[in-house]
Amino acid sequence: MTDYRGPATIDGITVEVHLSARFEPIEGQCRWAGRAAPNEALTRKQRSGQNAQLAIGQNAAEIKLSEPDPWGRVRISGQGHPPWPAAPGD
């Protein structure tokens, strides 16, 4: 699978993200995760404990937001087909 680094929208909050995906053969599905650049509104959203919607272009997926790291980057995780375009040859 591929990685994605670039702009995304999480519940209307525009952020820069770095995400990567991997196929889990035992589960038979793709899992993907990464981090969003520090953003106060996103940190407040994460603290609410609710799932969120991540959009990259016209593609969207439900995500889970986890605790920020020491640099303020919020962890993002999702499953299923990643919401970013595949790289040529993937």
PDB file of N, CA and C in Angstrom:
ATOM      1  N   MET A   1       0.839  -1.184   0.000  1.00  0.00           N
ATOM      2  CA  MET A   1       0.000   0.000   0.000  1.00  0.00           C
ATOM      3  C   MET A   1       0.883   1.246   0.000  1.00  0.00           C
ATOM      4  N   THR A   2       0.257   2.351  -0.033  1.00  0.00           N
ATOM      5  CA  THR A   2       0.983   3.610  -0.149  1.00  0.00           C
ATOM      6  C   THR A   2       0.843   4.468   1.102  1.00  0.00           C
ATOM      7  N   ASP A   3       1.620   5.501   1.133  1.00  0.00           N
ATOM      8  CA  ASP A   3       1.524   6.521   2.172  1.00  0.00           C
ATOM      9  C   ASP A   3       0.867   7.749   1.566  1.00  0.00           C
ATOM     10  N   TYR A   4       0.372   8.620   2.445  1.00  0.00           N
ATOM     11  CA  TYR A   4      -0.172   9.900   1.997  1.00  0.00           C
ATOM     12  C   TYR A   4       0.354  10.961   2.946  1.00  0.00           C
ATOM     13  N   ARG A   5       0.840  12.030   2.379  1.00  0.00           N
ATOM     14  CA  ARG A   5       1.277  13.195   3.151  1.00  0.00           C
ATOM     15  C   ARG A   5       0.700  14.406   2.444  1.00  0.00           C
ATOM     16  N   GLY A   6      -0.145  15.179   3.152  1.00  0.00           N
ATOM     17  CA  GLY A   6      -0.732  16.345   2.536  1.00  0.00           C
ATOM     18  C   GLY A   6      -1.945  16.839   3.297  1.00  0.00           C
ATOM     19  N   PRO A   7      -2.752  17.684   2.648  1.00  0.00           N
ATOM     20  CA  PRO A   7      -3.901  18.280   3.315  1.00  0.00           C
ATOM     21  C   PRO A   7      -5.064  17.297   3.452  1.00  0.00           C
ATOM     22  N   ALA A   8      -5.817  17.480   4.521  1.00  0.00           N
ATOM     23  CA  ALA A   8      -7.027  16.702   4.771  1.00  0.00           C
ATOM     24  C   ALA A   8      -7.965  17.560   5.607  1.00  0.00           C
ATOM     25  N   THR A   9      -9.217  17.143   5.661  1.00  0.00           N
ATOM     26  CA  THR A   9     -10.206  17.812   6.498  1.00  0.00           C
ATOM     27  C   THR A   9     -10.766  16.790   7.475  1.00  0.00           C
ATOM     28  N   ILE A  10     -10.781  17.139   8.741  1.00  0.00           N
ATOM     29  CA  ILE A  10     -11.358  16.274   9.772  1.00  0.00           C
ATOM     30  C   ILE A  10     -12.485  17.042  10.429  1.00  0.00           C
ATOM     31  N   ASP A  11     -13.703  16.611  10.156  1.00  0.00           N
ATOM     32  CA  ASP A  11     -14.896  17.290  10.679  1.00  0.00           C
ATOM     33  C   ASP A  11     -14.833  18.807  10.476  1.00  0.00           C
ATOM     34  N   GLY A  12     -14.437  19.219   9.282  1.00  0.00           N
ATOM     35  CA  GLY A  12     -14.388  20.639   8.939  1.00  0.00           C
ATOM     36  C   GLY A  12     -13.115  21.351   9.355  1.00  0.00           C
ATOM     37  N   ILE A  13     -12.189  20.645   9.988  1.00  0.00           N
ATOM     38  CA  ILE A  13     -10.923  21.234  10.427  1.00  0.00           C
ATOM     39  C   ILE A  13      -9.855  20.852   9.404  1.00  0.00           C
ATOM     40  N   THR A  14      -9.255  21.831   8.755  1.00  0.00           N
ATOM     41  CA  THR A  14      -8.230  21.557   7.757  1.00  0.00           C
ATOM     42  C   THR A  14      -6.887  21.365   8.449  1.00  0.00           C
ATOM     43  N   VAL A  15      -6.236  20.234   8.157  1.00  0.00           N
ATOM     44  CA  VAL A  15      -4.953  19.891   8.771  1.00  0.00           C
ATOM     45  C   VAL A  15      -4.048  19.222   7.745  1.00  0.00           C
ATOM     46  N   GLU A  16      -2.762  19.191   8.048  1.00  0.00           N
ATOM     47  CA  GLU A  16      -1.800  18.408   7.278  1.00  0.00           C
ATOM     48  C   GLU A  16      -1.676  17.061   7.975  1.00  0.00           C
ATOM     49  N   VAL A  17      -1.678  15.989   7.196  1.00  0.00           N
ATOM     50  CA  VAL A  17      -1.590  14.651   7.760  1.00  0.00           C
ATOM     51  C   VAL A  17      -0.471  13.858   7.097  1.00  0.00           C
ATOM     52  N   HIS A  18      -0.007  12.840   7.802  1.00  0.00           N
ATOM     53  CA  HIS A  18       0.903  11.835   7.241  1.00  0.00           C
ATOM     54  C   HIS A  18       0.314  10.492   7.649  1.00  0.00           C
ATOM     55  N   LEU A  19      -0.142   9.719   6.647  1.00  0.00           N
ATOM     56  CA  LEU A  19      -0.830   8.457   6.882  1.00  0.00           C
ATOM     57  C   LEU A  19      -0.174   7.338   6.098  1.00  0.00           C
ATOM     58  N   SER A  20      -0.252   6.130   6.611  1.00  0.00           N
ATOM     59  CA  SER A  20       0.216   4.964   5.872  1.00  0.00           C
ATOM     60  C   SER A  20      -0.771   3.822   6.097  1.00  0.00           C
ATOM     61  N   ALA A  21      -0.831   2.916   5.115  1.00  0.00           N
ATOM     62  CA  ALA A  21      -1.778   1.811   5.158  1.00  0.00           C
ATOM     63  C   ALA A  21      -1.051   0.480   5.042  1.00  0.00           C
ATOM     64  N   ARG A  22      -1.663  -0.546   5.606  1.00  0.00           N
ATOM     65  CA  ARG A  22      -1.134  -1.897   5.468  1.00  0.00           C
ATOM     66  C   ARG A  22      -2.301  -2.877   5.447  1.00  0.00           C
ATOM     67  N   PHE A  23      -2.131  -3.957   4.711  1.00  0.00           N
ATOM     68  CA  PHE A  23      -3.139  -5.005   4.644  1.00  0.00           C
ATOM     69  C   PHE A  23      -2.866  -6.014   5.747  1.00  0.00           C
ATOM     70  N   GLU A  24      -3.898  -6.335   6.517  1.00  0.00           N
ATOM     71  CA  GLU A  24      -3.798  -7.329   7.579  1.00  0.00           C
ATOM     72  C   GLU A  24      -4.398  -8.639   7.064  1.00  0.00           C
ATOM     73  N   PRO A  25      -3.564  -9.600   6.642  1.00  0.00           N
ATOM     74  CA  PRO A  25      -4.092 -10.810   6.009  1.00  0.00           C
ATOM     75  C   PRO A  25      -4.974 -11.665   6.917  1.00  0.00           C
ATOM     76  N   ILE A  26      -4.691 -11.716   8.199  1.00  0.00           N
ATOM     77  CA  ILE A  26      -5.516 -12.523   9.105  1.00  0.00           C
ATOM     78  C   ILE A  26      -6.919 -11.932   9.209  1.00  0.00           C
ATOM     79  N   GLU A  27      -7.017 -10.610   9.255  1.00  0.00           N
ATOM     80  CA  GLU A  27      -8.310  -9.940   9.320  1.00  0.00           C
ATOM     81  C   GLU A  27      -8.959  -9.810   7.954  1.00  0.00           C
ATOM     82  N   GLY A  28      -8.132  -9.855   6.905  1.00  0.00           N
ATOM     83  CA  GLY A  28      -8.644  -9.700   5.552  1.00  0.00           C
ATOM     84  C   GLY A  28      -9.065  -8.278   5.222  1.00  0.00           C
ATOM     85  N   GLN A  29      -8.455  -7.304   5.888  1.00  0.00           N
ATOM     86  CA  GLN A  29      -8.793  -5.909   5.602  1.00  0.00           C
ATOM     87  C   GLN A  29      -7.578  -5.005   5.757  1.00  0.00           C
ATOM     88  N   CYS A  30      -7.738  -3.817   5.272  1.00  0.00           N
ATOM     89  CA  CYS A  30      -6.680  -2.817   5.339  1.00  0.00           C
ATOM     90  C   CYS A  30      -6.876  -1.971   6.592  1.00  0.00           C
ATOM     91  N   ARG A  31      -5.784  -1.687   7.261  1.00  0.00           N
ATOM     92  CA  ARG A  31      -5.776  -0.744   8.392  1.00  0.00           C
ATOM     93  C   ARG A  31      -4.806   0.368   8.038  1.00  0.00           C
ATOM     94  N   TRP A  32      -5.151   1.576   8.411  1.00  0.00           N
ATOM     95  CA  TRP A  32      -4.280   2.710   8.132  1.00  0.00           C
ATOM     96  C   TRP A  32      -4.277   3.646   9.324  1.00  0.00           C
ATOM     97  N   ALA A  33      -3.163   4.353   9.478  1.00  0.00           N
ATOM     98  CA  ALA A  33      -2.998   5.234  10.629  1.00  0.00           C
ATOM     99  C   ALA A  33      -1.926   6.264  10.335  1.00  0.00           C
ATOM    100  N   GLY A  34      -1.850   7.245  11.204  1.00  0.00           N
ATOM    101  CA  GLY A  34      -0.839   8.281  11.072  1.00  0.00           C
ATOM    102  C   GLY A  34      -1.100   9.388  12.064  1.00  0.00           C
ATOM    103  N   ARG A  35      -0.630  10.562  11.712  1.00  0.00           N
ATOM    104  CA  ARG A  35      -0.747  11.717  12.604  1.00  0.00           C
ATOM    105  C   ARG A  35      -1.173  12.957  11.834  1.00  0.00           C
ATOM    106  N   ALA A  36      -1.867  13.837  12.539  1.00  0.00           N
ATOM    107  CA  ALA A  36      -2.220  15.155  12.010  1.00  0.00           C
ATOM    108  C   ALA A  36      -1.319  16.180  12.683  1.00  0.00           C
ATOM    109  N   ALA A  37      -0.924  17.191  11.937  1.00  0.00           N
ATOM    110  CA  ALA A  37      -0.104  18.267  12.493  1.00  0.00           C
ATOM    111  C   ALA A  37      -0.830  18.915  13.672  1.00  0.00           C
ATOM    112  N   PRO A  38      -0.082  19.512  14.596  1.00  0.00           N
ATOM    113  CA  PRO A  38      -0.713  20.146  15.756  1.00  0.00           C
ATOM    114  C   PRO A  38      -1.795  21.145  15.348  1.00  0.00           C
ATOM    115  N   ASN A  39      -2.937  21.047  16.026  1.00  0.00           N
ATOM    116  CA  ASN A  39      -4.068  21.923  15.745  1.00  0.00           C
ATOM    117  C   ASN A  39      -4.953  21.925  16.989  1.00  0.00           C
ATOM    118  N   GLU A  40      -5.167  23.095  17.595  1.00  0.00           N
ATOM    119  CA  GLU A  40      -5.939  23.182  18.837  1.00  0.00           C
ATOM    120  C   GLU A  40      -7.370  22.685  18.686  1.00  0.00           C
ATOM    121  N   ALA A  41      -8.014  23.034  17.564  1.00  0.00           N
ATOM    122  CA  ALA A  41      -9.396  22.590  17.350  1.00  0.00           C
ATOM    123  C   ALA A  41      -9.470  21.069  17.245  1.00  0.00           C
ATOM    124  N   LEU A  42      -8.489  20.455  16.598  1.00  0.00           N
ATOM    125  CA  LEU A  42      -8.471  18.998  16.472  1.00  0.00           C
ATOM    126  C   LEU A  42      -8.205  18.345  17.828  1.00  0.00           C
ATOM    127  N   THR A  43      -7.338  18.929  18.636  1.00  0.00           N
ATOM    128  CA  THR A  43      -7.087  18.397  19.978  1.00  0.00           C
ATOM    129  C   THR A  43      -8.353  18.453  20.812  1.00  0.00           C
ATOM    130  N   ARG A  44      -9.115  19.537  20.714  1.00  0.00           N
ATOM    131  CA  ARG A  44     -10.398  19.629  21.437  1.00  0.00           C
ATOM    132  C   ARG A  44     -11.365  18.552  20.942  1.00  0.00           C
ATOM    133  N   LYS A  45     -11.397  18.336  19.624  1.00  0.00           N
ATOM    134  CA  LYS A  45     -12.256  17.299  19.043  1.00  0.00           C
ATOM    135  C   LYS A  45     -11.847  15.933  19.582  1.00  0.00           C
ATOM    136  N   GLN A  46     -10.545  15.656  19.645  1.00  0.00           N
ATOM    137  CA  GLN A  46     -10.056  14.374  20.155  1.00  0.00           C
ATOM    138  C   GLN A  46     -10.490  14.173  21.603  1.00  0.00           C
ATOM    139  N   ARG A  47     -10.439  15.201  22.399  1.00  0.00           N
ATOM    140  CA  ARG A  47     -10.814  15.097  23.816  1.00  0.00           C
ATOM    141  C   ARG A  47     -12.298  14.812  24.009  1.00  0.00           C
ATOM    142  N   SER A  48     -13.119  15.090  22.999  1.00  0.00           N
ATOM    143  CA  SER A  48     -14.556  14.821  23.109  1.00  0.00           C
ATOM    144  C   SER A  48     -14.837  13.320  23.093  1.00  0.00           C
ATOM    145  N   GLY A  49     -13.863  12.526  22.599  1.00  0.00           N
ATOM    146  CA  GLY A  49     -14.026  11.083  22.588  1.00  0.00           C
ATOM    147  C   GLY A  49     -14.882  10.542  21.458  1.00  0.00           C
ATOM    148  N   GLN A  50     -15.330  11.404  20.575  1.00  0.00           N
ATOM    149  CA  GLN A  50     -16.175  10.972  19.459  1.00  0.00           C
ATOM    150  C   GLN A  50     -15.325  10.616  18.249  1.00  0.00           C
ATOM    151  N   ASN A  51     -15.832   9.680  17.434  1.00  0.00           N
ATOM    152  CA  ASN A  51     -15.182   9.399  16.159  1.00  0.00           C
ATOM    153  C   ASN A  51     -15.368  10.603  15.256  1.00  0.00           C
ATOM    154  N   ALA A  52     -14.603  10.661  14.199  1.00  0.00           N
ATOM    155  CA  ALA A  52     -14.647  11.807  13.297  1.00  0.00           C
ATOM    156  C   ALA A  52     -14.653  11.316  11.858  1.00  0.00           C
ATOM    157  N   GLN A  53     -14.840  12.252  10.941  1.00  0.00           N
ATOM    158  CA  GLN A  53     -14.824  11.968   9.502  1.00  0.00           C
ATOM    159  C   GLN A  53     -13.618  12.668   8.891  1.00  0.00           C
ATOM    160  N   LEU A  54     -12.769  11.898   8.204  1.00  0.00           N
ATOM    161  CA  LEU A  54     -11.608  12.441   7.522  1.00  0.00           C
ATOM    162  C   LEU A  54     -11.910  12.477   6.033  1.00  0.00           C
ATOM    163  N   ALA A  55     -11.628  13.594   5.391  1.00  0.00           N
ATOM    164  CA  ALA A  55     -11.835  13.714   3.948  1.00  0.00           C
ATOM    165  C   ALA A  55     -10.550  14.170   3.282  1.00  0.00           C
ATOM    166  N   ILE A  56     -10.222  13.490   2.191  1.00  0.00           N
ATOM    167  CA  ILE A  56      -9.103  13.866   1.335  1.00  0.00           C
ATOM    168  C   ILE A  56      -9.691  13.971  -0.061  1.00  0.00           C
ATOM    169  N   GLY A  57      -9.790  15.193  -0.553  1.00  0.00           N
ATOM    170  CA  GLY A  57     -10.472  15.401  -1.829  1.00  0.00           C
ATOM    171  C   GLY A  57     -11.927  14.988  -1.696  1.00  0.00           C
ATOM    172  N   GLN A  58     -12.407  14.158  -2.617  1.00  0.00           N
ATOM    173  CA  GLN A  58     -13.798  13.703  -2.595  1.00  0.00           C
ATOM    174  C   GLN A  58     -13.985  12.417  -1.791  1.00  0.00           C
ATOM    175  N   ASN A  59     -12.905  11.841  -1.269  1.00  0.00           N
ATOM    176  CA  ASN A  59     -12.981  10.581  -0.520  1.00  0.00           C
ATOM    177  C   ASN A  59     -13.056  10.859   0.969  1.00  0.00           C
ATOM    178  N   ALA A  60     -13.842  10.052   1.684  1.00  0.00           N
ATOM    179  CA  ALA A  60     -13.992  10.240   3.120  1.00  0.00           C
ATOM    180  C   ALA A  60     -14.036   8.889   3.821  1.00  0.00           C
ATOM    181  N   ALA A  61     -13.700   8.896   5.106  1.00  0.00           N
ATOM    182  CA  ALA A  61     -13.730   7.689   5.921  1.00  0.00           C
ATOM    183  C   ALA A  61     -13.907   8.073   7.380  1.00  0.00           C
ATOM    184  N   GLU A  62     -14.523   7.172   8.135  1.00  0.00           N
ATOM    185  CA  GLU A  62     -14.644   7.377   9.574  1.00  0.00           C
ATOM    186  C   GLU A  62     -13.301   7.035  10.212  1.00  0.00           C
ATOM    187  N   ILE A  63     -12.909   7.844  11.195  1.00  0.00           N
ATOM    188  CA  ILE A  63     -11.630   7.636  11.865  1.00  0.00           C
ATOM    189  C   ILE A  63     -11.805   7.707  13.375  1.00  0.00           C
ATOM    190  N   LYS A  64     -10.787   7.211  14.051  1.00  0.00           N
ATOM    191  CA  LYS A  64     -10.672   7.356  15.496  1.00  0.00           C
ATOM    192  C   LYS A  64      -9.521   8.311  15.758  1.00  0.00           C
ATOM    193  N   LEU A  65      -9.715   9.246  16.669  1.00  0.00           N
ATOM    194  CA  LEU A  65      -8.664  10.178  17.085  1.00  0.00           C
ATOM    195  C   LEU A  65      -8.143   9.732  18.440  1.00  0.00           C
ATOM    196  N   SER A  66      -6.819   9.676  18.580  1.00  0.00           N
ATOM    197  CA  SER A  66      -6.203   9.251  19.836  1.00  0.00           C
ATOM    198  C   SER A  66      -5.338  10.365  20.402  1.00  0.00           C
ATOM    199  N   GLU A  67      -4.881  10.162  21.623  1.00  0.00           N
ATOM    200  CA  GLU A  67      -4.112  11.169  22.358  1.00  0.00           C
ATOM    201  C   GLU A  67      -3.000  11.811  21.534  1.00  0.00           C
ATOM    202  N   PRO A  68      -2.833  13.113  21.677  1.00  0.00           N
ATOM    203  CA  PRO A  68      -1.714  13.791  21.011  1.00  0.00           C
ATOM    204  C   PRO A  68      -0.375  13.304  21.572  1.00  0.00           C
ATOM    205  N   ASP A  69       0.649  13.310  20.714  1.00  0.00           N
ATOM    206  CA  ASP A  69       1.990  12.969  21.159  1.00  0.00           C
ATOM    207  C   ASP A  69       2.623  14.201  21.822  1.00  0.00           C
ATOM    208  N   PRO A  70       3.843  14.099  22.331  1.00  0.00           N
ATOM    209  CA  PRO A  70       4.471  15.245  23.010  1.00  0.00           C
ATOM    210  C   PRO A  70       4.609  16.494  22.139  1.00  0.00           C
ATOM    211  N   TRP A  71       4.518  16.353  20.820  1.00  0.00           N
ATOM    212  CA  TRP A  71       4.645  17.486  19.910  1.00  0.00           C
ATOM    213  C   TRP A  71       3.287  18.032  19.483  1.00  0.00           C
ATOM    214  N   GLY A  72       2.199  17.484  20.050  1.00  0.00           N
ATOM    215  CA  GLY A  72       0.862  17.989  19.756  1.00  0.00           C
ATOM    216  C   GLY A  72       0.194  17.377  18.545  1.00  0.00           C
ATOM    217  N   ARG A  73       0.803  16.365  17.932  1.00  0.00           N
ATOM    218  CA  ARG A  73       0.222  15.716  16.753  1.00  0.00           C
ATOM    219  C   ARG A  73      -0.792  14.661  17.199  1.00  0.00           C
ATOM    220  N   VAL A  74      -2.010  14.753  16.704  1.00  0.00           N
ATOM    221  CA  VAL A  74      -3.074  13.823  17.078  1.00  0.00           C
ATOM    222  C   VAL A  74      -2.975  12.572  16.210  1.00  0.00           C
ATOM    223  N   ARG A  75      -3.072  11.400  16.834  1.00  0.00           N
ATOM    224  CA  ARG A  75      -3.031  10.131  16.104  1.00  0.00           C
ATOM    225  C   ARG A  75      -4.385   9.868  15.469  1.00  0.00           C
ATOM    226  N   ILE A  76      -4.336   9.381  14.231  1.00  0.00           N
ATOM    227  CA  ILE A  76      -5.521   9.053  13.438  1.00  0.00           C
ATOM    228  C   ILE A  76      -5.449   7.574  13.091  1.00  0.00           C
ATOM    229  N   SER A  77      -6.563   6.863  13.187  1.00  0.00           N
ATOM    230  CA  SER A  77      -6.585   5.475  12.723  1.00  0.00           C
ATOM    231  C   SER A  77      -7.913   5.174  12.050  1.00  0.00           C
ATOM    232  N   GLY A  78      -7.846   4.309  11.045  1.00  0.00           N
ATOM    233  CA  GLY A  78      -9.035   3.910  10.308  1.00  0.00           C
ATOM    234  C   GLY A  78      -8.854   2.532   9.723  1.00  0.00           C
ATOM    235  N   GLN A  79      -9.915   2.005   9.152  1.00  0.00           N
ATOM    236  CA  GLN A  79      -9.827   0.701   8.509  1.00  0.00           C
ATOM    237  C   GLN A  79     -10.659   0.701   7.244  1.00  0.00           C
ATOM    238  N   GLY A  80     -10.375  -0.257   6.388  1.00  0.00           N
ATOM    239  CA  GLY A  80     -11.018  -0.300   5.077  1.00  0.00           C
ATOM    240  C   GLY A  80     -10.128   0.396   4.058  1.00  0.00           C
ATOM    241  N   HIS A  81     -10.678   0.645   2.900  1.00  0.00           N
ATOM    242  CA  HIS A  81      -9.901   1.283   1.837  1.00  0.00           C
ATOM    243  C   HIS A  81      -9.463   2.683   2.265  1.00  0.00           C
ATOM    244  N   PRO A  82      -8.167   3.012   2.166  1.00  0.00           N
ATOM    245  CA  PRO A  82      -7.708   4.344   2.567  1.00  0.00           C
ATOM    246  C   PRO A  82      -8.358   5.433   1.709  1.00  0.00           C
ATOM    247  N   PRO A  83      -8.618   6.583   2.290  1.00  0.00           N
ATOM    248  CA  PRO A  83      -9.309   7.660   1.572  1.00  0.00           C
ATOM    249  C   PRO A  83      -8.405   8.551   0.729  1.00  0.00           C
ATOM    250  N   TRP A  84      -7.241   8.070   0.347  1.00  0.00           N
ATOM    251  CA  TRP A  84      -6.359   8.856  -0.517  1.00  0.00           C
ATOM    252  C   TRP A  84      -6.148   8.097  -1.822  1.00  0.00           C
ATOM    253  N   PRO A  85      -5.811   8.826  -2.885  1.00  0.00           N
ATOM    254  CA  PRO A  85      -5.586   8.160  -4.174  1.00  0.00           C
ATOM    255  C   PRO A  85      -4.395   7.218  -4.130  1.00  0.00           C
ATOM    256  N   ALA A  86      -4.514   6.096  -4.811  1.00  0.00           N
ATOM    257  CA  ALA A  86      -3.418   5.132  -4.869  1.00  0.00           C
ATOM    258  C   ALA A  86      -2.305   5.673  -5.766  1.00  0.00           C
ATOM    259  N   ALA A  87      -1.075   5.336  -5.421  1.00  0.00           N
ATOM    260  CA  ALA A  87       0.063   5.704  -6.251  1.00  0.00           C
ATOM    261  C   ALA A  87       0.055   4.834  -7.500  1.00  0.00           C
ATOM    262  N   PRO A  88       0.559   5.332  -8.622  1.00  0.00           N
ATOM    263  CA  PRO A  88       0.631   4.499  -9.815  1.00  0.00           C
ATOM    264  C   PRO A  88       1.372   3.201  -9.538  1.00  0.00           C
ATOM    265  N   GLY A  89       0.814   2.114 -10.005  1.00  0.00           N
ATOM    266  CA  GLY A  89       1.428   0.809  -9.813  1.00  0.00           C
ATOM    267  C   GLY A  89       0.954   0.076  -8.580  1.00  0.00           C
ATOM    268  N   ASP A  90       0.151   0.707  -7.732  1.00  0.00           N
ATOM    269  CA  ASP A  90      -0.380   0.021  -6.538  1.00  0.00           C
ATOM    270  C   ASP A  90      -1.623  -0.758  -6.895  1.00  0.00           C
TER     271      ASP A  90
END
